[in-house]
Amino acid sequence: MLAETLPMTVCRQTKMVHRRCVRIGEVFLGLVASSINDLRLTEELEAFKSETPGCDIEISIEWVQELPGLENKRLFDSGSVWTLYTDDAGFIFDFSTPILGKQPYKRLYVNRDFSEARLLLNRACLSKTADVYPLEYPLDELLVTNWLALGRGVEVHGCGLVDHENVGHLFLGHSGAGKSTTSLLWRLLRDVRVLSDDRIILRDFANETWMYGTPWHGEAGFASAEKVRIRRIFVLEHGAKNEILPLSGNRAVAELFARCFPPFHGHQPLNFTLSYLHHIANSVPCFVFRFLPNHSAVEKILEFCR
């Protein structure tokens, strides 16, 4: 049962709350709300539903009549829908868009180790919205990436492929580098599973680096909750021919860092991310892959990996 009902004591009265869990990159997120309607999951997140009594990140969901502006210290403005603030207890993420009005349509309070969060949904902005998805992107990604950055892993901009022999190929690339094209080519020519064609989580498991699929897919729409050990990492670049060039040392770390999603609001998570990327570059063979967007690119990788 993925949405269970649990008692919760509030103001000395017991009322029933509903619970739902999702798992992304072996990070468990637990949602609780007074109404099952407040636990809707997007189509992408439905594939990541899980069952567990305790989660890494526990999130309570509430409705409020309005969300006035904050006077807290602003740490980071994403330039899109979210802005990060801080207070004595932790962090505050405000989510706003002119389409839904001048106020934030939701606000997330989270403690400093990203283990507990309180999500406020603004009735003034969302009352006319047919379906509200509390974890809707980018809130889910922000929680996971910040939790990982506290010594646990990193999210990268890439597509992850699992070949029929359970070999994990990770192709990193900026937007437009060819991640979705690579995913589609391999699916057409090989019996592969695509973990994601845009965002991959990297974590250590059994003393090796593994990659995990995420719900945050690219143009090709691939998203899977699977994981696999990484055999090789390829940094995608468009080229006049197919060629594979070795990457090592600081250059490999720089290329990985340019294609990852580190939190920039604190020294500790940023330092860990750099340290972890050094670890990956030293333990997983890394290459630049300049390629042509056709079947010959797949053949080049298969020939190289024999």
Foldseek 3Di string as FASTA:
>chain_A
DAKDWDWDADPNDIAIKIWGWFAFPNAIEIEIERDPLQADADPLRVQGTDDDPAGQAYEYEEEDAFDDDDPAAWQDDPVAFWTWGADPFQIKIFGDDPVQHDGGQKMKDAGHLLRYIYIYGHCSRCVPPPGDHRCPPPNVVVSVQSNCLLQWWFKFFWKWKQFPVREIETEGEDPPLQLLLVVVLCVVPGPIAIQASTMWIWGDDPNAIKIAHGSDHDPNRHHHGDMGTHQAYEYGHADPAWDKAWDADPRQLVSRVVGTDFDPRDDSSVVSSSVVSNVCRVHHTYIYIHHDSHNVNVVVVVVVVD
